[in-house]
Structure formats: C-alpha cells, structure tokens
Amino acid sequence: MTDSSARAAVLVDYSRVERQLGVRLQGDAGAAIVAVGYGRRTRTFSSAQPYDVVNRLRRDVLKELTATVDVRLAAGLHLDLGAQRGAQKTNRAGDPASLGDVADYTRFVGSAGLRYRF
C-alpha cells in the first residue's frame, strides 16, 4: 500500500548558468518614437541531487519580441502603446510534472496609456 500524502525530505539545487542577450532599435517617425527589441535568455540547471527532478539537467530558452510606440498628441500629452511576445522552450516538453516557469509556454502582453507632463 502507498501513502500519497507522506512527506519526504528531498535536497534541491537551484544553481544555474544564465545567459542573456538583448538588442533594441529606436527611431523617430514624425510625432512618434518607435522602438523594437529582441531578447534571448538561456538557462542551464546543473543539479546533481538524484531526486531533484525539476532542476536535474534542465535547460530552457526564452525568446522575446517587443514593440513600443510613443505618440505626441499635444504639448506634454503622449500616448504610449506597447506589445511583448515571449516563448519559452525547455528540454522537458510533454512532461506532465512541468508547471509554470519550468514548462514550455507562450505569452502576449499588450499595454496602452496616456502620459501628461505638467
């Protein structure tokens, strides 16, 4: 018989090597300032703990694209628009135990706002 609610002490090692690269281009287009960017993050987890299934030999890559527009509507009044799309891939594709930051995912974030300087 198995007790699925039994607690077990398992050693976990969160150490990793993380590399990031980012590029951003910005330019004027009349009354607007337009910017686009690309970012890439690579993480390699090196846990040597035998029961650390989340971090043992895990690798993931996150790629992000961003775009922003700052439009001058009037003296001191600006409209800010932004979009960000990110996609992460791991070497754990299809693993039902992978959740959240450990799993493959795609996200899209949009934003809009007015800014007034007085």
Protein backbone atom coordinates (compact mmCIF):
# COMPACT_ATOMS: atom_id res chain seq x y z
CA MET A 1 0.00 0.00 0.00
CA THR A 2 1.22 3.54 -0.84
CA ASP A 3 0.61 6.68 1.19
CA SER A 4 0.47 9.52 -1.36
CA SER A 5 0.29 12.21 1.35
CA ALA A 6 3.53 11.14 3.09
CA ARG A 7 6.19 13.86 3.30
CA ALA A 8 9.73 13.27 2.13
CA ALA A 9 12.78 15.48 2.56
CA VAL A 10 14.44 15.91 -0.82
CA LEU A 11 17.54 18.03 -1.44
CA VAL A 12 17.09 20.66 -4.17
CA ASP A 13 19.77 22.60 -6.02
CA TYR A 14 18.66 25.80 -7.85
CA SER A 15 22.13 26.73 -9.11
CA ARG A 16 22.29 27.52 -12.81
CA VAL A 17 24.19 29.27 -15.56
CA GLU A 18 22.12 32.03 -17.16
CA ARG A 19 22.98 33.99 -20.31
CA GLN A 20 21.05 36.97 -21.67
CA LEU A 21 21.26 38.91 -24.91
CA GLY A 22 19.18 41.93 -25.87
CA VAL A 23 19.00 44.26 -28.85
CA ARG A 24 16.81 47.38 -29.17
CA LEU A 25 16.37 49.71 -32.14
CA GLN A 26 14.66 53.07 -31.77
CA GLY A 27 13.77 55.73 -34.31
CA ASP A 28 11.64 58.82 -34.88
CA ALA A 29 8.66 58.67 -37.23
CA GLY A 30 7.16 62.15 -37.29
CA ALA A 31 5.37 62.78 -33.98
CA ALA A 32 6.06 59.23 -32.80
CA ILE A 33 9.04 57.38 -31.41
CA VAL A 34 9.02 53.71 -32.41
CA ALA A 35 11.18 51.03 -30.80
CA VAL A 36 11.53 47.30 -31.43
CA GLY A 37 13.57 44.83 -29.45
CA TYR A 38 14.61 41.22 -29.24
CA GLY A 39 15.81 39.35 -26.17
CA ARG A 40 17.02 35.82 -25.55
CA ARG A 41 17.68 34.10 -22.22
CA THR A 42 19.28 30.66 -21.91
CA ARG A 43 19.41 28.82 -18.58
CA THR A 44 21.16 25.54 -17.77
CA PHE A 45 20.41 23.94 -14.40
CA SER A 46 23.08 21.59 -13.08
CA SER A 47 21.56 19.94 -10.03
CA ALA A 48 23.41 16.76 -9.05
CA GLN A 49 20.79 15.74 -6.48
CA PRO A 50 19.35 12.34 -7.52
CA TYR A 51 15.71 13.15 -6.61
CA ASP A 52 15.68 16.77 -7.82
CA VAL A 53 13.56 16.02 -10.89
CA VAL A 54 12.71 19.68 -11.55
CA ASN A 55 16.27 21.03 -11.82
CA ARG A 56 18.32 17.97 -12.77
CA LEU A 57 19.77 18.52 -16.27
CA ARG A 58 17.08 21.08 -17.19
CA ARG A 59 17.63 23.62 -19.97
CA ASP A 60 15.31 26.36 -21.18
CA VAL A 61 15.41 29.16 -23.75
CA LEU A 62 13.16 32.24 -23.62
CA LYS A 63 12.84 34.43 -26.73
CA GLU A 64 11.03 37.79 -26.51
CA LEU A 65 9.99 40.37 -29.10
CA THR A 66 8.91 43.85 -28.00
CA ALA A 67 7.48 46.87 -29.79
CA THR A 68 6.65 50.29 -28.35
CA VAL A 69 5.21 53.46 -29.83
CA ASP A 70 5.24 56.85 -28.09
CA VAL A 71 2.96 59.30 -29.93
CA ARG A 72 2.97 63.00 -29.05
CA LEU A 73 -0.68 64.11 -29.09
CA ALA A 74 -0.20 67.65 -27.78
CA ALA A 75 2.29 69.66 -25.76
CA GLY A 76 3.09 67.43 -22.78
CA LEU A 77 0.49 64.76 -23.73
CA HIS A 78 1.69 61.39 -25.05
CA LEU A 79 0.03 58.09 -25.97
CA ASP A 80 2.17 55.06 -25.12
CA LEU A 81 1.46 51.71 -26.80
CA GLY A 82 3.39 48.51 -26.27
CA ALA A 83 3.37 44.82 -27.10
CA GLN A 84 5.55 41.97 -25.90
CA ARG A 85 5.52 38.37 -27.07
CA GLY A 86 7.58 35.72 -25.33
CA ALA A 87 8.01 31.99 -25.91
CA GLN A 88 9.94 29.57 -23.72
CA LYS A 89 11.04 26.10 -24.77
CA THR A 90 12.54 23.54 -22.40
CA ASN A 91 14.10 20.14 -22.77
CA ARG A 92 11.12 18.82 -20.78
CA ALA A 93 8.44 19.06 -23.49
CA GLY A 94 5.44 16.90 -22.69
CA ASP A 95 6.44 16.32 -19.05
CA PRO A 96 3.16 16.45 -17.06
CA ALA A 97 5.07 17.42 -13.89
CA SER A 98 6.38 20.62 -15.52
CA LEU A 99 4.38 23.67 -14.43
CA GLY A 100 4.81 27.45 -14.59
CA ASP A 101 8.35 28.64 -15.29
CA VAL A 102 9.54 25.04 -15.74
CA ALA A 103 7.19 24.31 -18.67
CA ASP A 104 7.01 25.42 -22.30
CA TYR A 105 4.81 28.49 -22.66
CA THR A 106 3.92 31.42 -24.90
CA ARG A 107 2.69 34.76 -23.60
CA PHE A 108 1.49 38.04 -25.06
CA VAL A 109 1.29 41.30 -23.12
CA GLY A 110 -0.19 44.48 -24.54
CA SER A 111 -0.28 47.89 -22.91
CA ALA A 112 -1.69 51.35 -23.58
CA GLY A 113 -1.52 54.52 -21.56
CA LEU A 114 -1.69 58.29 -21.60
CA ARG A 115 1.08 60.38 -20.12
CA TYR A 116 0.82 64.06 -19.29
CA ARG A 117 3.72 66.15 -18.10
CA PHE A 118 2.89 69.37 -16.25
